[in-house]
Amino acid sequence: MKAEEIRALSIEEIQVRLNETREELMNLRFQQATGELIDFTRLPYTRRSIARYLTILREREIIDAMEGEV
């Protein structure tokens, strides 16, 4: 999911997707540890997705804080 698409979501939706993506990463790590993982490219993609979600959540926190100061 692109950053623009994530920015269109509400904070609650982003947090839900973040939790789902974290669970997916955990499952991928278990599959890798047991030798069941076939598509190794999903690991970095999943980590990048988590980083995108966290970055956009942080952007919103900063914007909210700046609006509170004014």
Protein backbone atom coordinates (compact mmCIF):
# COMPACT_ATOMS: atom_id res chain seq x y z
CA MET A 1 0.00 0.00 0.00
CA LYS A 2 1.37 3.37 -0.98
CA ALA A 3 1.86 6.18 1.52
CA GLU A 4 -0.82 8.28 -0.19
CA GLU A 5 -3.35 5.49 0.27
CA ILE A 6 -2.40 5.09 3.93
CA ARG A 7 -2.77 8.84 4.54
CA ALA A 8 -6.36 8.59 3.32
CA LEU A 9 -7.19 6.14 6.15
CA SER A 10 -8.29 7.11 9.64
CA ILE A 11 -5.96 6.60 12.61
CA GLU A 12 -7.99 3.62 13.81
CA GLU A 13 -7.81 1.94 10.41
CA ILE A 14 -4.06 2.48 10.26
CA GLN A 15 -3.62 0.96 13.71
CA VAL A 16 -5.69 -2.08 12.74
CA ARG A 17 -3.65 -2.60 9.59
CA LEU A 18 -0.44 -2.07 11.56
CA ASN A 19 -1.41 -4.81 13.99
CA GLU A 20 -2.36 -7.15 11.13
CA THR A 21 0.96 -6.48 9.40
CA ARG A 22 2.88 -7.12 12.61
CA GLU A 23 1.09 -10.46 12.99
CA GLU A 24 1.94 -11.29 9.38
CA LEU A 25 5.62 -10.51 10.04
CA MET A 26 5.58 -12.76 13.09
CA ASN A 27 4.08 -15.58 11.03
CA LEU A 28 6.66 -15.07 8.29
CA ARG A 29 9.46 -15.26 10.84
CA PHE A 30 8.08 -18.53 12.20
CA GLN A 31 7.82 -19.92 8.68
CA GLN A 32 11.41 -18.89 8.02
CA ALA A 33 12.63 -20.50 11.23
CA THR A 34 10.88 -23.78 10.43
CA GLY A 35 11.99 -23.77 6.79
CA GLU A 36 8.48 -23.41 5.40
CA LEU A 37 8.90 -19.90 3.95
CA ILE A 38 9.00 -19.95 0.17
CA ASP A 39 8.75 -16.25 -0.75
CA PHE A 40 11.57 -14.53 1.13
CA THR A 41 10.81 -11.17 -0.50
CA ARG A 42 7.74 -10.80 1.72
CA LEU A 43 9.92 -10.21 4.82
CA PRO A 44 11.44 -6.87 3.76
CA TYR A 45 8.17 -5.81 2.12
CA THR A 46 6.30 -6.44 5.38
CA ARG A 47 8.90 -4.57 7.42
CA ARG A 48 8.67 -1.61 5.06
CA SER A 49 4.89 -1.62 5.36
CA ILE A 50 5.16 -1.48 9.14
CA ALA A 51 7.59 1.42 8.85
CA ARG A 52 5.19 3.27 6.54
CA TYR A 53 2.30 2.85 8.96
CA LEU A 54 4.41 4.03 11.90
CA THR A 55 5.78 7.00 9.95
CA ILE A 56 2.34 8.22 8.95
CA LEU A 57 1.02 7.78 12.50
CA ARG A 58 3.95 9.86 13.74
CA GLU A 59 3.28 12.53 11.10
CA ARG A 60 -0.26 12.83 12.36
CA GLU A 61 0.91 13.10 15.96
CA ILE A 62 3.24 15.94 15.01
CA ILE A 63 0.51 17.73 13.05
CA ASP A 64 -1.90 17.40 15.97
CA ALA A 65 0.71 18.74 18.37
CA MET A 66 1.47 21.69 16.12
CA GLU A 67 -2.22 22.52 15.79
CA GLY A 68 -2.54 22.43 19.57
CA GLU A 69 0.25 24.99 19.99
CA VAL A 70 -1.32 27.59 17.72
